[in-house]
Amino acid sequence: MCAIIAATTAVGVLLSADKKKRAQVFSDLYEFNERMLINLKFGKLRISQIAAEFRYMPDIVVGKRVLSGSDGQFLCEYIKNIGVSDSSSQIDYLNERKSAIKKLMEESAENYKKYSSLYVKIALMIGILIAVLLA
Protein backbone atom coordinates (compact mmCIF):
# COMPACT_ATOMS: atom_id res chain seq x y z
CA MET A 1 0.00 0.00 0.00
CA CYS A 2 2.76 2.41 0.91
CA ALA A 3 4.52 1.55 -2.34
CA ILE A 4 1.46 2.61 -4.34
CA ILE A 5 1.24 5.92 -2.51
CA ALA A 6 4.98 6.51 -2.91
CA ALA A 7 4.86 5.65 -6.62
CA THR A 8 1.98 7.99 -7.39
CA THR A 9 3.58 10.77 -5.36
CA ALA A 10 6.80 10.28 -7.34
CA VAL A 11 4.78 10.68 -10.54
CA GLY A 12 3.45 13.99 -9.19
CA VAL A 13 6.99 15.15 -8.45
CA LEU A 14 8.09 14.20 -11.98
CA LEU A 15 5.16 16.10 -13.47
CA SER A 16 6.17 19.22 -11.56
CA ALA A 17 9.82 18.96 -12.68
CA ASP A 18 9.14 20.87 -15.92
CA LYS A 19 7.67 23.78 -13.97
CA LYS A 20 10.72 23.81 -11.70
CA LYS A 21 13.12 23.71 -14.65
CA ARG A 22 11.35 26.59 -16.41
CA ALA A 23 11.47 28.70 -13.25
CA GLN A 24 15.18 27.95 -12.77
CA VAL A 25 16.03 28.70 -16.42
CA PHE A 26 14.39 32.13 -16.34
CA SER A 27 15.89 32.90 -12.94
CA ASP A 28 19.32 32.03 -14.35
CA LEU A 29 18.65 34.07 -17.48
CA TYR A 30 17.66 37.14 -15.46
CA GLU A 31 20.80 36.94 -13.32
CA PHE A 32 22.93 36.27 -16.43
CA ASN A 33 21.43 39.36 -18.09
CA GLU A 34 22.32 41.46 -15.04
CA ARG A 35 25.88 40.16 -14.96
CA MET A 36 26.25 40.77 -18.69
CA LEU A 37 25.22 44.40 -18.19
CA ILE A 38 27.78 44.84 -15.43
CA ASN A 39 30.43 43.06 -17.50
CA LEU A 40 29.82 45.26 -20.53
CA LYS A 41 30.15 48.40 -18.43
CA PHE A 42 33.03 47.45 -16.15
CA GLY A 43 34.50 44.04 -16.97
CA LYS A 44 36.11 42.09 -19.73
CA LEU A 45 34.93 38.52 -19.08
CA ARG A 46 33.93 36.22 -21.91
CA ILE A 47 30.28 35.21 -22.24
CA SER A 48 31.19 31.60 -21.54
CA GLN A 49 32.91 32.59 -18.29
CA ILE A 50 29.83 34.45 -17.09
CA ALA A 51 27.53 31.61 -18.16
CA ALA A 52 29.64 29.00 -16.35
CA GLU A 53 28.38 30.29 -13.00
CA PHE A 54 24.83 29.12 -13.76
CA ARG A 55 23.17 25.74 -14.13
CA TYR A 56 21.48 26.09 -17.53
CA MET A 57 23.26 29.05 -19.14
CA PRO A 58 26.29 27.15 -20.51
CA ASP A 59 23.92 24.91 -22.48
CA ILE A 60 21.85 27.86 -23.67
CA VAL A 61 24.94 29.79 -24.79
CA VAL A 62 26.17 26.92 -26.98
CA GLY A 63 22.74 26.59 -28.59
CA LYS A 64 21.14 23.65 -26.77
CA ARG A 65 17.41 23.88 -26.36
CA VAL A 66 16.68 23.54 -22.66
CA LEU A 67 13.03 24.61 -23.02
CA SER A 68 10.56 23.92 -25.77
CA GLY A 69 7.92 26.00 -27.52
CA SER A 70 7.83 29.76 -27.27
CA ASP A 71 10.19 29.74 -24.27
CA GLY A 72 12.83 27.92 -26.29
CA GLN A 73 12.37 30.36 -29.16
CA PHE A 74 12.75 33.30 -26.77
CA LEU A 75 16.02 31.87 -25.45
CA CYS A 76 17.36 31.25 -28.97
CA GLU A 77 16.60 34.80 -30.06
CA TYR A 78 18.12 36.22 -26.90
CA ILE A 79 21.40 34.32 -27.29
CA LYS A 80 21.53 34.96 -31.03
CA ASN A 81 21.74 38.70 -30.35
CA ILE A 82 24.38 38.50 -27.62
CA GLY A 83 27.86 39.58 -28.68
CA VAL A 84 27.00 40.61 -32.24
CA SER A 85 27.34 44.38 -31.92
CA ASP A 86 29.25 47.07 -30.05
CA SER A 87 28.97 47.35 -26.27
CA SER A 88 26.67 50.37 -26.36
CA SER A 89 24.15 48.54 -28.54
CA GLN A 90 24.51 45.44 -26.37
CA ILE A 91 23.74 47.44 -23.24
CA ASP A 92 20.62 48.85 -24.90
CA TYR A 93 19.54 45.37 -26.02
CA LEU A 94 20.11 43.83 -22.59
CA ASN A 95 18.23 46.64 -20.87
CA GLU A 96 15.35 46.18 -23.31
CA ARG A 97 15.19 42.41 -22.71
CA LYS A 98 15.43 42.84 -18.93
CA SER A 99 11.74 43.59 -18.43
CA ALA A 100 10.62 40.69 -20.65
CA ILE A 101 12.92 38.29 -18.81
CA LYS A 102 11.72 39.55 -15.43
CA LYS A 103 8.10 39.04 -16.48
CA LEU A 104 8.84 35.47 -17.62
CA MET A 105 10.82 34.78 -14.45
CA GLU A 106 8.00 35.94 -12.19
CA GLU A 107 5.37 34.08 -14.22
CA SER A 108 7.34 30.83 -14.20
CA ALA A 109 8.06 31.09 -10.46
CA GLU A 110 4.36 31.67 -9.77
CA ASN A 111 3.36 28.72 -11.95
CA TYR A 112 5.92 26.51 -10.23
CA LYS A 113 4.63 27.41 -6.77
CA LYS A 114 1.02 26.92 -7.80
CA TYR A 115 1.18 23.80 -9.94
CA SER A 116 4.05 21.83 -8.44
CA SER A 117 2.33 21.40 -5.10
CA LEU A 118 -0.96 20.77 -6.89
CA TYR A 119 0.53 17.93 -8.95
CA VAL A 120 2.08 16.33 -5.87
CA LYS A 121 -1.14 16.63 -3.86
CA ILE A 122 -3.30 15.20 -6.64
CA ALA A 123 -0.89 12.31 -7.18
CA LEU A 124 -0.83 11.63 -3.44
CA MET A 125 -4.63 11.63 -3.31
CA ILE A 126 -4.82 9.24 -6.26
CA GLY A 127 -2.34 6.95 -4.50
CA ILE A 128 -4.41 7.01 -1.31
CA LEU A 129 -7.58 6.35 -3.31
CA ILE A 130 -6.01 3.37 -5.07
CA ALA A 131 -4.72 2.02 -1.73
CA VAL A 132 -8.17 2.35 -0.17
CA LEU A 133 -9.88 0.68 -3.12
CA LEU A 134 -7.42 -2.22 -3.02
CA ALA A 135 -7.79 -2.70 0.75
C-alpha atoms as a PDB file:
ATOM      1  CA  MET A   1       0.000   0.000   0.000  1.00  0.00           C
ATOM      2  CA  CYS A   2       2.755   2.409   0.912  1.00  0.00           C
ATOM      3  CA  ALA A   3       4.520   1.547  -2.338  1.00  0.00           C
ATOM      4  CA  ILE A   4       1.460   2.609  -4.344  1.00  0.00           C
ATOM      5  CA  ILE A   5       1.244   5.920  -2.509  1.00  0.00           C
ATOM      6  CA  ALA A   6       4.981   6.512  -2.905  1.00  0.00           C
ATOM      7  CA  ALA A   7       4.864   5.654  -6.622  1.00  0.00           C
ATOM      8  CA  THR A   8       1.975   7.990  -7.391  1.00  0.00           C
ATOM      9  CA  THR A   9       3.576  10.770  -5.364  1.00  0.00           C
ATOM     10  CA  ALA A  10       6.799  10.282  -7.340  1.00  0.00           C
ATOM     11  CA  VAL A  11       4.780  10.681 -10.541  1.00  0.00           C
ATOM     12  CA  GLY A  12       3.455  13.985  -9.193  1.00  0.00           C
ATOM     13  CA  VAL A  13       6.987  15.154  -8.450  1.00  0.00           C
ATOM     14  CA  LEU A  14       8.088  14.196 -11.978  1.00  0.00           C
ATOM     15  CA  LEU A  15       5.159  16.100 -13.472  1.00  0.00           C
ATOM     16  CA  SER A  16       6.173  19.224 -11.560  1.00  0.00           C
ATOM     17  CA  ALA A  17       9.820  18.958 -12.677  1.00  0.00           C
ATOM     18  CA  ASP A  18       9.138  20.872 -15.917  1.00  0.00           C
ATOM     19  CA  LYS A  19       7.673  23.781 -13.966  1.00  0.00           C
ATOM     20  CA  LYS A  20      10.722  23.815 -11.702  1.00  0.00           C
ATOM     21  CA  LYS A  21      13.116  23.707 -14.650  1.00  0.00           C
ATOM     22  CA  ARG A  22      11.347  26.589 -16.413  1.00  0.00           C
ATOM     23  CA  ALA A  23      11.470  28.696 -13.246  1.00  0.00           C
ATOM     24  CA  GLN A  24      15.179  27.954 -12.775  1.00  0.00           C
ATOM     25  CA  VAL A  25      16.027  28.705 -16.417  1.00  0.00           C
ATOM     26  CA  PHE A  26      14.387  32.128 -16.339  1.00  0.00           C
ATOM     27  CA  SER A  27      15.890  32.900 -12.945  1.00  0.00           C
ATOM     28  CA  ASP A  28      19.319  32.034 -14.353  1.00  0.00           C
ATOM     29  CA  LEU A  29      18.650  34.074 -17.482  1.00  0.00           C
ATOM     30  CA  TYR A  30      17.659  37.140 -15.460  1.00  0.00           C
ATOM     31  CA  GLU A  31      20.797  36.939 -13.322  1.00  0.00           C
ATOM     32  CA  PHE A  32      22.928  36.274 -16.431  1.00  0.00           C
ATOM     33  CA  ASN A  33      21.434  39.358 -18.086  1.00  0.00           C
ATOM     34  CA  GLU A  34      22.319  41.458 -15.035  1.00  0.00           C
ATOM     35  CA  ARG A  35      25.878  40.156 -14.965  1.00  0.00           C
ATOM     36  CA  MET A  36      26.252  40.767 -18.693  1.00  0.00           C
ATOM     37  CA  LEU A  37      25.217  44.395 -18.190  1.00  0.00           C
ATOM     38  CA  ILE A  38      27.785  44.836 -15.434  1.00  0.00           C
ATOM     39  CA  ASN A  39      30.431  43.062 -17.498  1.00  0.00           C
ATOM     40  CA  LEU A  40      29.817  45.262 -20.534  1.00  0.00           C
ATOM     41  CA  LYS A  41      30.151  48.395 -18.427  1.00  0.00           C
ATOM     42  CA  PHE A  42      33.034  47.452 -16.150  1.00  0.00           C
ATOM     43  CA  GLY A  43      34.497  44.038 -16.968  1.00  0.00           C
ATOM     44  CA  LYS A  44      36.113  42.093 -19.733  1.00  0.00           C
ATOM     45  CA  LEU A  45      34.934  38.516 -19.082  1.00  0.00           C
ATOM     46  CA  ARG A  46      33.926  36.220 -21.910  1.00  0.00           C
ATOM     47  CA  ILE A  47      30.277  35.213 -22.243  1.00  0.00           C
ATOM     48  CA  SER A  48      31.186  31.596 -21.544  1.00  0.00           C
ATOM     49  CA  GLN A  49      32.907  32.591 -18.289  1.00  0.00           C
ATOM     50  CA  ILE A  50      29.830  34.448 -17.087  1.00  0.00           C
ATOM     51  CA  ALA A  51      27.531  31.609 -18.164  1.00  0.00           C
ATOM     52  CA  ALA A  52      29.637  29.005 -16.349  1.00  0.00           C
ATOM     53  CA  GLU A  53      28.380  30.286 -12.998  1.00  0.00           C
ATOM     54  CA  PHE A  54      24.825  29.122 -13.757  1.00  0.00           C
ATOM     55  CA  ARG A  55      23.174  25.740 -14.129  1.00  0.00           C
ATOM     56  CA  TYR A  56      21.480  26.094 -17.528  1.00  0.00           C
ATOM     57  CA  MET A  57      23.259  29.047 -19.135  1.00  0.00           C
ATOM     58  CA  PRO A  58      26.288  27.148 -20.507  1.00  0.00           C
ATOM     59  CA  ASP A  59      23.915  24.911 -22.480  1.00  0.00           C
ATOM     60  CA  ILE A  60      21.852  27.864 -23.673  1.00  0.00           C
ATOM     61  CA  VAL A  61      24.938  29.792 -24.788  1.00  0.00           C
ATOM     62  CA  VAL A  62      26.170  26.921 -26.976  1.00  0.00           C
ATOM     63  CA  GLY A  63      22.735  26.587 -28.593  1.00  0.00           C
ATOM     64  CA  LYS A  64      21.143  23.654 -26.766  1.00  0.00           C
ATOM     65  CA  ARG A  65      17.409  23.879 -26.363  1.00  0.00           C
ATOM     66  CA  VAL A  66      16.683  23.542 -22.665  1.00  0.00           C
ATOM     67  CA  LEU A  67      13.034  24.615 -23.019  1.00  0.00           C
ATOM     68  CA  SER A  68      10.559  23.919 -25.771  1.00  0.00           C
ATOM     69  CA  GLY A  69       7.922  25.998 -27.518  1.00  0.00           C
ATOM     70  CA  SER A  70       7.834  29.764 -27.272  1.00  0.00           C
ATOM     71  CA  ASP A  71      10.191  29.740 -24.268  1.00  0.00           C
ATOM     72  CA  GLY A  72      12.832  27.920 -26.295  1.00  0.00           C
ATOM     73  CA  GLN A  73      12.375  30.359 -29.164  1.00  0.00           C
ATOM     74  CA  PHE A  74      12.748  33.304 -26.773  1.00  0.00           C
ATOM     75  CA  LEU A  75      16.022  31.869 -25.453  1.00  0.00           C
ATOM     76  CA  CYS A  76      17.359  31.248 -28.968  1.00  0.00           C
ATOM     77  CA  GLU A  77      16.599  34.799 -30.064  1.00  0.00           C
ATOM     78  CA  TYR A  78      18.118  36.219 -26.900  1.00  0.00           C
ATOM     79  CA  ILE A  79      21.396  34.320 -27.294  1.00  0.00           C
ATOM     80  CA  LYS A  80      21.526  34.963 -31.034  1.00  0.00           C
ATOM     81  CA  ASN A  81      21.740  38.705 -30.352  1.00  0.00           C
ATOM     82  CA  ILE A  82      24.380  38.498 -27.619  1.00  0.00           C
ATOM     83  CA  GLY A  83      27.858  39.581 -28.684  1.00  0.00           C
ATOM     84  CA  VAL A  84      26.997  40.615 -32.241  1.00  0.00           C
ATOM     85  CA  SER A  85      27.341  44.383 -31.916  1.00  0.00           C
ATOM     86  CA  ASP A  86      29.246  47.071 -30.050  1.00  0.00           C
ATOM     87  CA  SER A  87      28.968  47.351 -26.272  1.00  0.00           C
ATOM     88  CA  SER A  88      26.673  50.368 -26.359  1.00  0.00           C
ATOM     89  CA  SER A  89      24.150  48.538 -28.542  1.00  0.00           C
ATOM     90  CA  GLN A  90      24.507  45.440 -26.371  1.00  0.00           C
ATOM     91  CA  ILE A  91      23.737  47.436 -23.242  1.00  0.00           C
ATOM     92  CA  ASP A  92      20.620  48.853 -24.904  1.00  0.00           C
ATOM     93  CA  TYR A  93      19.538  45.369 -26.022  1.00  0.00           C
ATOM     94  CA  LEU A  94      20.111  43.827 -22.588  1.00  0.00           C
ATOM     95  CA  ASN A  95      18.228  46.639 -20.867  1.00  0.00           C
ATOM     96  CA  GLU A  96      15.347  46.183 -23.311  1.00  0.00           C
ATOM     97  CA  ARG A  97      15.186  42.408 -22.712  1.00  0.00           C
ATOM     98  CA  LYS A  98      15.432  42.835 -18.935  1.00  0.00           C
ATOM     99  CA  SER A  99      11.735  43.590 -18.432  1.00  0.00           C
ATOM    100  CA  ALA A 100      10.619  40.691 -20.652  1.00  0.00           C
ATOM    101  CA  ILE A 101      12.921  38.289 -18.809  1.00  0.00           C
ATOM    102  CA  LYS A 102      11.722  39.552 -15.428  1.00  0.00           C
ATOM    103  CA  LYS A 103       8.104  39.039 -16.475  1.00  0.00           C
ATOM    104  CA  LEU A 104       8.839  35.467 -17.621  1.00  0.00           C
ATOM    105  CA  MET A 105      10.825  34.783 -14.448  1.00  0.00           C
ATOM    106  CA  GLU A 106       7.997  35.939 -12.187  1.00  0.00           C
ATOM    107  CA  GLU A 107       5.371  34.083 -14.223  1.00  0.00           C
ATOM    108  CA  SER A 108       7.340  30.832 -14.199  1.00  0.00           C
ATOM    109  CA  ALA A 109       8.056  31.087 -10.460  1.00  0.00           C
ATOM    110  CA  GLU A 110       4.364  31.671  -9.774  1.00  0.00           C
ATOM    111  CA  ASN A 111       3.361  28.716 -11.953  1.00  0.00           C
ATOM    112  CA  TYR A 112       5.921  26.514 -10.233  1.00  0.00           C
ATOM    113  CA  LYS A 113       4.634  27.414  -6.772  1.00  0.00           C
ATOM    114  CA  LYS A 114       1.020  26.920  -7.801  1.00  0.00           C
ATOM    115  CA  TYR A 115       1.176  23.800  -9.942  1.00  0.00           C
ATOM    116  CA  SER A 116       4.045  21.830  -8.441  1.00  0.00           C
ATOM    117  CA  SER A 117       2.329  21.405  -5.100  1.00  0.00           C
ATOM    118  CA  LEU A 118      -0.960  20.773  -6.886  1.00  0.00           C
ATOM    119  CA  TYR A 119       0.530  17.933  -8.946  1.00  0.00           C
ATOM    120  CA  VAL A 120       2.083  16.328  -5.875  1.00  0.00           C
ATOM    121  CA  LYS A 121      -1.141  16.625  -3.865  1.00  0.00           C
ATOM    122  CA  ILE A 122      -3.297  15.200  -6.643  1.00  0.00           C
ATOM    123  CA  ALA A 123      -0.889  12.314  -7.185  1.00  0.00           C
ATOM    124  CA  LEU A 124      -0.834  11.631  -3.436  1.00  0.00           C
ATOM    125  CA  MET A 125      -4.634  11.632  -3.305  1.00  0.00           C
ATOM    126  CA  ILE A 126      -4.815   9.242  -6.257  1.00  0.00           C
ATOM    127  CA  GLY A 127      -2.344   6.950  -4.498  1.00  0.00           C
ATOM    128  CA  ILE A 128      -4.407   7.012  -1.307  1.00  0.00           C
ATOM    129  CA  LEU A 129      -7.584   6.347  -3.314  1.00  0.00           C
ATOM    130  CA  ILE A 130      -6.006   3.367  -5.069  1.00  0.00           C
ATOM    131  CA  ALA A 131      -4.723   2.018  -1.735  1.00  0.00           C
ATOM    132  CA  VAL A 132      -8.169   2.351  -0.167  1.00  0.00           C
ATOM    133  CA  LEU A 133      -9.877   0.681  -3.117  1.00  0.00           C
ATOM    134  CA  LEU A 134      -7.422  -2.218  -3.020  1.00  0.00           C
ATOM    135  CA  ALA A 135      -7.786  -2.698   0.747  1.00  0.00           C
END
